[in-house]
């Protein structure tokens, strides 16, 4: 992997390790393909989860983003910046990255939503200018070869 790809993976892993309540994180391309993923090692339930769960997160993130973009168009709401879904046993956050890609975060129910949103914004700010078409292509190929 290139230096930029390794740095992006490092940023994603730091996000998971440093932000309380984060279970897993995915960067998804604008066409719904998983580019990067990371998950915590501290959750025993996730340690037993099949690797397909990462692809599931990417699919949910892509679908939710598509739904909210459609809703925003219908309501003349402008560009969707962030979507938050609070559930009884967890939370899901989706934030747009400048190039059309998405950052999705699956978190525990006891997470501090404002802290997660803040760290997502930091990641998006750092990743937005780096996520070029060439890097997206490299990340896609790396995800495909890892399967």
N, C-alpha and C. Protein backbone atom coordinates (compact mmCIF):
# COMPACT_ATOMS: atom_id res chain seq x y z
N UNK A 1 0.83 -1.18 0.00
CA UNK A 1 0.00 0.00 0.00
C UNK A 1 0.88 1.26 0.00
N UNK A 2 0.36 2.30 -0.60
CA UNK A 2 1.08 3.56 -0.66
C UNK A 2 1.14 4.21 0.72
N UNK A 3 1.97 5.21 0.83
CA UNK A 3 2.10 5.97 2.08
C UNK A 3 0.77 6.61 2.47
N UNK A 4 0.05 7.18 1.49
CA UNK A 4 -1.24 7.82 1.76
C UNK A 4 -2.26 6.81 2.25
N UNK A 5 -2.29 5.63 1.64
CA UNK A 5 -3.24 4.60 2.05
C UNK A 5 -2.94 4.11 3.47
N UNK A 6 -1.67 3.93 3.79
CA UNK A 6 -1.30 3.51 5.14
C UNK A 6 -1.66 4.58 6.16
N UNK A 7 -1.43 5.85 5.82
CA UNK A 7 -1.79 6.95 6.73
C UNK A 7 -3.29 7.00 6.98
N UNK A 8 -4.07 6.80 5.94
CA UNK A 8 -5.52 6.81 6.09
C UNK A 8 -5.98 5.65 6.97
N UNK A 9 -5.40 4.48 6.77
CA UNK A 9 -5.73 3.33 7.61
C UNK A 9 -5.33 3.59 9.06
N UNK A 10 -4.19 4.22 9.26
CA UNK A 10 -3.74 4.56 10.61
C UNK A 10 -4.71 5.52 11.28
N UNK A 11 -5.16 6.55 10.54
CA UNK A 11 -6.13 7.51 11.07
C UNK A 11 -7.43 6.81 11.48
N UNK A 12 -7.86 5.88 10.65
CA UNK A 12 -9.09 5.15 10.92
C UNK A 12 -8.94 4.27 12.16
N UNK A 13 -7.81 3.58 12.27
CA UNK A 13 -7.57 2.72 13.43
C UNK A 13 -7.47 3.54 14.71
N UNK A 14 -6.82 4.69 14.63
CA UNK A 14 -6.75 5.58 15.80
C UNK A 14 -8.14 6.03 16.23
N UNK A 15 -8.97 6.34 15.26
CA UNK A 15 -10.35 6.74 15.55
C UNK A 15 -11.03 5.66 16.38
N UNK A 16 -10.94 4.44 15.95
CA UNK A 16 -11.58 3.31 16.64
C UNK A 16 -11.00 3.11 18.03
N UNK A 17 -9.70 3.21 18.16
CA UNK A 17 -9.05 2.93 19.44
C UNK A 17 -9.20 4.06 20.45
N UNK A 18 -9.30 5.31 19.99
CA UNK A 18 -9.28 6.44 20.90
C UNK A 18 -10.64 6.98 21.30
N UNK A 19 -11.67 6.71 20.52
CA UNK A 19 -12.99 7.28 20.79
C UNK A 19 -13.85 6.24 21.50
N UNK A 20 -14.25 6.56 22.72
CA UNK A 20 -15.05 5.63 23.52
C UNK A 20 -16.37 5.31 22.84
N UNK A 21 -16.70 4.04 22.81
CA UNK A 21 -17.98 3.59 22.29
C UNK A 21 -17.99 3.19 20.84
N UNK A 22 -16.92 3.47 20.11
CA UNK A 22 -16.88 3.12 18.69
C UNK A 22 -16.63 1.62 18.55
N UNK A 23 -17.49 0.97 17.81
CA UNK A 23 -17.34 -0.47 17.55
C UNK A 23 -16.61 -0.71 16.23
N UNK A 24 -17.09 -0.07 15.18
CA UNK A 24 -16.45 -0.23 13.88
C UNK A 24 -16.67 1.01 13.04
N UNK A 25 -15.78 1.17 12.07
CA UNK A 25 -15.78 2.34 11.20
C UNK A 25 -15.55 1.85 9.78
N UNK A 26 -16.23 2.49 8.83
CA UNK A 26 -16.03 2.13 7.42
C UNK A 26 -15.99 3.40 6.58
N UNK A 27 -15.09 3.39 5.61
CA UNK A 27 -15.07 4.42 4.58
C UNK A 27 -15.60 3.75 3.33
N UNK A 28 -16.65 4.34 2.77
CA UNK A 28 -17.36 3.75 1.64
C UNK A 28 -17.31 4.72 0.46
N UNK A 29 -17.05 4.19 -0.72
CA UNK A 29 -16.99 5.05 -1.91
C UNK A 29 -18.39 5.54 -2.26
N UNK A 30 -18.46 6.52 -3.14
CA UNK A 30 -19.75 7.09 -3.53
C UNK A 30 -20.64 6.07 -4.23
N UNK A 31 -20.04 5.02 -4.78
CA UNK A 31 -20.84 3.97 -5.41
C UNK A 31 -21.08 2.77 -4.49
N UNK A 32 -20.81 2.94 -3.20
CA UNK A 32 -21.18 1.93 -2.21
C UNK A 32 -20.15 0.85 -1.93
N UNK A 33 -18.96 0.97 -2.47
CA UNK A 33 -17.93 -0.04 -2.24
C UNK A 33 -17.11 0.29 -1.00
N UNK A 34 -16.80 -0.72 -0.23
CA UNK A 34 -15.99 -0.57 0.98
C UNK A 34 -14.55 -0.26 0.60
N UNK A 35 -14.03 0.86 1.13
CA UNK A 35 -12.65 1.26 0.85
C UNK A 35 -11.72 0.96 2.01
N UNK A 36 -12.17 1.25 3.22
CA UNK A 36 -11.38 1.03 4.43
C UNK A 36 -12.31 0.62 5.55
N UNK A 37 -11.82 -0.17 6.45
CA UNK A 37 -12.62 -0.55 7.60
C UNK A 37 -11.71 -0.83 8.78
N UNK A 38 -12.27 -0.66 9.95
CA UNK A 38 -11.54 -0.95 11.18
C UNK A 38 -12.56 -1.20 12.26
N UNK A 39 -12.22 -2.04 13.21
CA UNK A 39 -13.12 -2.28 14.33
C UNK A 39 -12.31 -2.50 15.59
N UNK A 40 -12.99 -2.31 16.72
CA UNK A 40 -12.32 -2.43 18.00
C UNK A 40 -12.07 -3.90 18.33
N UNK A 41 -11.00 -4.15 19.05
CA UNK A 41 -10.70 -5.50 19.52
C UNK A 41 -11.27 -5.71 20.91
N UNK A 42 -11.82 -4.66 21.51
CA UNK A 42 -12.25 -4.74 22.89
C UNK A 42 -13.63 -5.32 23.07
N UNK A 43 -14.43 -5.43 22.02
CA UNK A 43 -15.78 -5.94 22.12
C UNK A 43 -15.79 -7.43 21.77
N UNK A 44 -16.03 -8.32 22.74
CA UNK A 44 -15.99 -9.75 22.47
C UNK A 44 -17.01 -10.19 21.42
N UNK A 45 -18.14 -9.54 21.35
CA UNK A 45 -19.15 -9.90 20.35
C UNK A 45 -18.63 -9.63 18.95
N UNK A 46 -17.89 -8.54 18.78
CA UNK A 46 -17.34 -8.22 17.47
C UNK A 46 -16.20 -9.14 17.10
N UNK A 47 -15.47 -9.61 18.08
CA UNK A 47 -14.36 -10.52 17.79
C UNK A 47 -14.88 -11.82 17.17
N UNK A 48 -16.10 -12.20 17.54
CA UNK A 48 -16.69 -13.43 16.99
C UNK A 48 -17.46 -13.17 15.70
N UNK A 49 -17.67 -11.91 15.35
CA UNK A 49 -18.48 -11.57 14.19
C UNK A 49 -17.76 -11.96 12.91
N UNK A 50 -18.50 -12.46 11.93
CA UNK A 50 -17.88 -12.81 10.65
C UNK A 50 -17.40 -11.56 9.91
N UNK A 51 -16.42 -11.72 9.04
CA UNK A 51 -15.86 -10.57 8.32
C UNK A 51 -16.88 -9.93 7.40
N UNK A 52 -17.95 -10.64 7.05
CA UNK A 52 -19.01 -10.07 6.23
C UNK A 52 -19.71 -8.91 6.90
N UNK A 53 -19.59 -8.81 8.24
CA UNK A 53 -20.22 -7.70 8.95
C UNK A 53 -19.66 -6.36 8.50
N UNK A 54 -18.40 -6.34 8.09
CA UNK A 54 -17.80 -5.09 7.60
C UNK A 54 -18.46 -4.67 6.30
N UNK A 55 -18.72 -5.63 5.42
CA UNK A 55 -19.42 -5.33 4.17
C UNK A 55 -20.85 -4.91 4.47
N UNK A 56 -21.45 -5.51 5.49
CA UNK A 56 -22.81 -5.13 5.89
C UNK A 56 -22.84 -3.67 6.33
N UNK A 57 -21.85 -3.24 7.10
CA UNK A 57 -21.79 -1.85 7.53
C UNK A 57 -21.68 -0.93 6.32
N UNK A 58 -20.87 -1.30 5.36
CA UNK A 58 -20.73 -0.50 4.14
C UNK A 58 -22.06 -0.40 3.40
N UNK A 59 -22.78 -1.49 3.30
CA UNK A 59 -24.07 -1.49 2.61
C UNK A 59 -25.09 -0.62 3.33
N UNK A 60 -25.12 -0.71 4.66
CA UNK A 60 -26.05 0.10 5.44
C UNK A 60 -25.69 1.58 5.32
N UNK A 61 -24.42 1.90 5.40
CA UNK A 61 -23.97 3.29 5.29
C UNK A 61 -24.37 3.86 3.92
N UNK A 62 -24.11 3.11 2.87
CA UNK A 62 -24.44 3.56 1.53
C UNK A 62 -25.95 3.73 1.35
N UNK A 63 -26.71 2.76 1.83
CA UNK A 63 -28.17 2.84 1.70
C UNK A 63 -28.77 3.98 2.50
N UNK A 64 -28.29 4.17 3.71
CA UNK A 64 -28.79 5.25 4.56
C UNK A 64 -28.45 6.61 3.95
N UNK A 65 -27.25 6.73 3.42
CA UNK A 65 -26.85 7.99 2.79
C UNK A 65 -27.72 8.28 1.57
N UNK A 66 -28.00 7.27 0.78
CA UNK A 66 -28.85 7.45 -0.38
C UNK A 66 -30.26 7.88 0.02
N UNK A 67 -30.78 7.27 1.05
CA UNK A 67 -32.11 7.62 1.54
C UNK A 67 -32.16 9.06 2.04
N UNK A 68 -31.16 9.47 2.80
CA UNK A 68 -31.17 10.83 3.34
C UNK A 68 -30.93 11.88 2.26
N UNK A 69 -30.14 11.56 1.26
CA UNK A 69 -29.94 12.49 0.14
C UNK A 69 -31.26 12.68 -0.61
N UNK A 70 -31.98 11.57 -0.82
CA UNK A 70 -33.29 11.66 -1.47
C UNK A 70 -34.27 12.48 -0.65
N UNK A 71 -34.27 12.28 0.66
CA UNK A 71 -35.16 13.04 1.54
C UNK A 71 -34.80 14.52 1.51
N UNK A 72 -33.52 14.83 1.52
CA UNK A 72 -33.09 16.23 1.48
C UNK A 72 -33.52 16.91 0.19
N UNK A 73 -33.46 16.17 -0.92
CA UNK A 73 -33.91 16.74 -2.20
C UNK A 73 -35.40 17.01 -2.17
N UNK A 74 -36.17 16.07 -1.66
CA UNK A 74 -37.63 16.26 -1.57
C UNK A 74 -38.00 17.44 -0.68
N UNK A 75 -37.22 17.69 0.33
CA UNK A 75 -37.52 18.73 1.31
C UNK A 75 -36.74 20.02 1.07
N UNK A 76 -36.05 20.10 -0.07
CA UNK A 76 -35.20 21.25 -0.38
C UNK A 76 -34.27 21.58 0.78
N UNK A 77 -33.66 20.54 1.35
CA UNK A 77 -32.83 20.71 2.53
C UNK A 77 -31.36 20.96 2.25
N UNK A 78 -30.97 20.91 1.00
CA UNK A 78 -29.55 21.11 0.69
C UNK A 78 -28.76 19.83 0.88
N UNK A 79 -27.45 19.99 0.93
CA UNK A 79 -26.53 18.85 1.05
C UNK A 79 -26.63 18.23 2.44
N UNK A 80 -26.66 16.89 2.49
CA UNK A 80 -26.66 16.17 3.76
C UNK A 80 -25.23 16.11 4.27
N UNK A 81 -25.03 16.59 5.49
CA UNK A 81 -23.69 16.57 6.08
C UNK A 81 -23.50 15.39 7.01
N UNK A 82 -24.53 15.06 7.77
CA UNK A 82 -24.41 13.96 8.73
C UNK A 82 -25.79 13.36 8.99
N UNK A 83 -25.81 12.05 9.20
CA UNK A 83 -27.02 11.34 9.57
C UNK A 83 -26.71 10.54 10.83
N UNK A 84 -27.61 10.59 11.79
CA UNK A 84 -27.43 9.85 13.04
C UNK A 84 -28.67 9.01 13.29
N UNK A 85 -28.45 7.75 13.60
CA UNK A 85 -29.54 6.84 13.95
C UNK A 85 -29.25 6.32 15.36
N UNK A 86 -30.11 6.68 16.29
CA UNK A 86 -29.97 6.21 17.67
C UNK A 86 -30.88 4.99 17.85
N UNK A 87 -30.30 3.89 18.30
CA UNK A 87 -31.04 2.64 18.49
C UNK A 87 -30.97 2.25 19.97
N UNK A 88 -31.77 1.31 20.37
CA UNK A 88 -31.78 0.87 21.77
C UNK A 88 -30.42 0.33 22.19
N UNK A 89 -29.75 -0.38 21.30
CA UNK A 89 -28.48 -1.00 21.65
C UNK A 89 -27.30 -0.50 20.83
N UNK A 90 -27.40 0.70 20.32
CA UNK A 90 -26.28 1.22 19.55
C UNK A 90 -26.65 2.49 18.81
N UNK A 91 -25.72 2.95 18.01
CA UNK A 91 -25.92 4.15 17.21
C UNK A 91 -25.15 3.99 15.90
N UNK A 92 -25.67 4.64 14.88
CA UNK A 92 -25.02 4.64 13.57
C UNK A 92 -24.91 6.08 13.10
N UNK A 93 -23.73 6.44 12.64
CA UNK A 93 -23.45 7.80 12.16
C UNK A 93 -22.92 7.69 10.74
N UNK A 94 -23.37 8.59 9.88
CA UNK A 94 -22.86 8.65 8.51
C UNK A 94 -22.54 10.11 8.21
N UNK A 95 -21.34 10.34 7.71
CA UNK A 95 -20.92 11.70 7.37
C UNK A 95 -20.30 11.68 5.97
N UNK A 96 -20.61 12.70 5.19
CA UNK A 96 -20.07 12.83 3.84
C UNK A 96 -18.63 13.29 3.89
N UNK A 97 -17.84 12.73 2.97
CA UNK A 97 -16.47 13.17 2.76
C UNK A 97 -16.49 13.97 1.46
N UNK A 98 -15.66 14.93 1.33
CA UNK A 98 -15.69 15.89 0.23
C UNK A 98 -15.83 15.24 -1.15
N UNK A 99 -15.20 14.12 -1.41
CA UNK A 99 -15.21 13.51 -2.74
C UNK A 99 -16.45 12.69 -3.03
N UNK A 100 -17.42 12.66 -2.13
CA UNK A 100 -18.62 11.85 -2.31
C UNK A 100 -18.57 10.55 -1.55
N UNK A 101 -17.41 10.21 -1.03
CA UNK A 101 -17.31 9.02 -0.19
C UNK A 101 -18.00 9.30 1.14
N UNK A 102 -18.13 8.25 1.94
CA UNK A 102 -18.85 8.35 3.21
C UNK A 102 -18.03 7.74 4.33
N UNK A 103 -18.19 8.30 5.51
CA UNK A 103 -17.61 7.74 6.72
C UNK A 103 -18.77 7.23 7.56
N UNK A 104 -18.76 5.96 7.87
CA UNK A 104 -19.81 5.36 8.70
C UNK A 104 -19.22 4.85 9.99
N UNK A 105 -19.92 5.10 11.10
CA UNK A 105 -19.46 4.67 12.42
C UNK A 105 -20.59 3.93 13.12
N UNK A 106 -20.29 2.74 13.59
CA UNK A 106 -21.22 1.96 14.42
C UNK A 106 -20.69 2.07 15.85
N UNK A 107 -21.56 2.52 16.77
CA UNK A 107 -21.12 2.76 18.15
C UNK A 107 -22.08 2.11 19.13
N UNK A 108 -21.64 2.05 20.37
CA UNK A 108 -22.46 1.51 21.45
C UNK A 108 -23.53 2.51 21.85
N UNK A 109 -24.52 2.03 22.57
CA UNK A 109 -25.63 2.91 22.99
C UNK A 109 -25.17 3.96 24.00
N UNK A 110 -24.11 3.67 24.76
CA UNK A 110 -23.65 4.62 25.79
C UNK A 110 -22.60 5.60 25.27
N UNK A 111 -22.41 5.66 23.96
CA UNK A 111 -21.41 6.57 23.40
C UNK A 111 -21.86 8.02 23.59
N UNK A 112 -20.90 8.91 23.54
CA UNK A 112 -21.19 10.35 23.55
C UNK A 112 -21.27 10.78 22.09
N UNK A 113 -22.49 11.01 21.63
CA UNK A 113 -22.71 11.30 20.22
C UNK A 113 -21.96 12.54 19.75
N UNK A 114 -21.86 13.54 20.60
CA UNK A 114 -21.16 14.76 20.19
C UNK A 114 -19.67 14.52 20.04
N UNK A 115 -19.09 13.68 20.87
CA UNK A 115 -17.66 13.35 20.75
C UNK A 115 -17.41 12.57 19.46
N UNK A 116 -18.29 11.62 19.16
CA UNK A 116 -18.12 10.85 17.93
C UNK A 116 -18.27 11.75 16.72
N UNK A 117 -19.27 12.63 16.72
CA UNK A 117 -19.46 13.55 15.59
C UNK A 117 -18.23 14.46 15.42
N UNK A 118 -17.66 14.91 16.52
CA UNK A 118 -16.47 15.75 16.47
C UNK A 118 -15.30 15.01 15.82
N UNK A 119 -15.06 13.77 16.27
CA UNK A 119 -13.95 12.99 15.72
C UNK A 119 -14.20 12.59 14.27
N UNK A 120 -15.46 12.38 13.92
CA UNK A 120 -15.78 12.12 12.52
C UNK A 120 -15.43 13.33 11.66
N UNK A 121 -15.79 14.52 12.14
CA UNK A 121 -15.49 15.74 11.40
C UNK A 121 -13.97 15.92 11.24
N UNK A 122 -13.21 15.60 12.28
CA UNK A 122 -11.75 15.66 12.17
C UNK A 122 -11.24 14.70 11.10
N UNK A 123 -11.74 13.46 11.12
CA UNK A 123 -11.30 12.47 10.14
C UNK A 123 -11.66 12.93 8.73
N UNK A 124 -12.88 13.39 8.54
CA UNK A 124 -13.33 13.85 7.23
C UNK A 124 -12.46 15.01 6.74
N UNK A 125 -12.12 15.92 7.64
CA UNK A 125 -11.26 17.04 7.28
C UNK A 125 -9.88 16.59 6.85
N UNK A 126 -9.36 15.59 7.52
CA UNK A 126 -8.01 15.09 7.18
C UNK A 126 -8.03 14.22 5.94
N UNK A 127 -9.08 13.43 5.78
CA UNK A 127 -9.14 12.46 4.68
C UNK A 127 -9.63 13.08 3.38
N UNK A 128 -10.44 14.13 3.48
CA UNK A 128 -11.08 14.69 2.30
C UNK A 128 -10.15 15.08 1.19
N UNK A 129 -9.03 15.69 1.50
CA UNK A 129 -8.10 16.14 0.46
C UNK A 129 -7.17 15.03 -0.02
N UNK A 130 -7.09 13.94 0.74
CA UNK A 130 -6.18 12.84 0.40
C UNK A 130 -6.86 11.78 -0.46
N UNK A 131 -8.17 11.67 -0.33
CA UNK A 131 -8.93 10.59 -0.97
C UNK A 131 -9.14 10.89 -2.46
N UNK A 132 -8.08 10.79 -3.22
CA UNK A 132 -8.11 11.06 -4.65
C UNK A 132 -8.65 9.84 -5.40
N UNK A 133 -9.01 9.99 -6.66
CA UNK A 133 -9.45 8.83 -7.44
C UNK A 133 -8.42 7.70 -7.45
N UNK A 134 -7.15 8.05 -7.54
CA UNK A 134 -6.10 7.02 -7.55
C UNK A 134 -6.04 6.28 -6.22
N UNK A 135 -6.17 7.00 -5.11
CA UNK A 135 -6.15 6.36 -3.80
C UNK A 135 -7.39 5.50 -3.59
N UNK A 136 -8.55 5.99 -4.03
CA UNK A 136 -9.77 5.18 -3.91
C UNK A 136 -9.62 3.87 -4.67
N UNK A 137 -9.04 3.94 -5.85
CA UNK A 137 -8.81 2.74 -6.66
C UNK A 137 -7.86 1.78 -5.94
N UNK A 138 -6.81 2.31 -5.38
CA UNK A 138 -5.85 1.48 -4.63
C UNK A 138 -6.52 0.81 -3.44
N UNK A 139 -7.33 1.56 -2.71
CA UNK A 139 -8.01 1.02 -1.53
C UNK A 139 -9.02 -0.06 -1.92
N UNK A 140 -9.75 0.16 -3.02
CA UNK A 140 -10.69 -0.86 -3.50
C UNK A 140 -9.96 -2.16 -3.82
N UNK A 141 -8.85 -2.05 -4.55
CA UNK A 141 -8.08 -3.23 -4.92
C UNK A 141 -7.56 -3.94 -3.68
N UNK A 142 -7.11 -3.19 -2.68
CA UNK A 142 -6.60 -3.79 -1.45
C UNK A 142 -7.73 -4.51 -0.71
N UNK A 143 -8.94 -3.94 -0.68
CA UNK A 143 -10.07 -4.59 -0.01
C UNK A 143 -10.46 -5.87 -0.75
N UNK A 144 -10.45 -5.83 -2.08
CA UNK A 144 -10.80 -7.01 -2.87
C UNK A 144 -9.79 -8.13 -2.69
N UNK A 145 -8.53 -7.80 -2.62
CA UNK A 145 -7.49 -8.84 -2.46
C UNK A 145 -7.48 -9.39 -1.04
N UNK A 146 -8.01 -8.64 -0.08
CA UNK A 146 -8.04 -9.11 1.31
C UNK A 146 -9.16 -10.12 1.54
N UNK A 147 -10.10 -10.19 0.65
CA UNK A 147 -11.23 -11.13 0.82
C UNK A 147 -10.82 -12.53 0.67
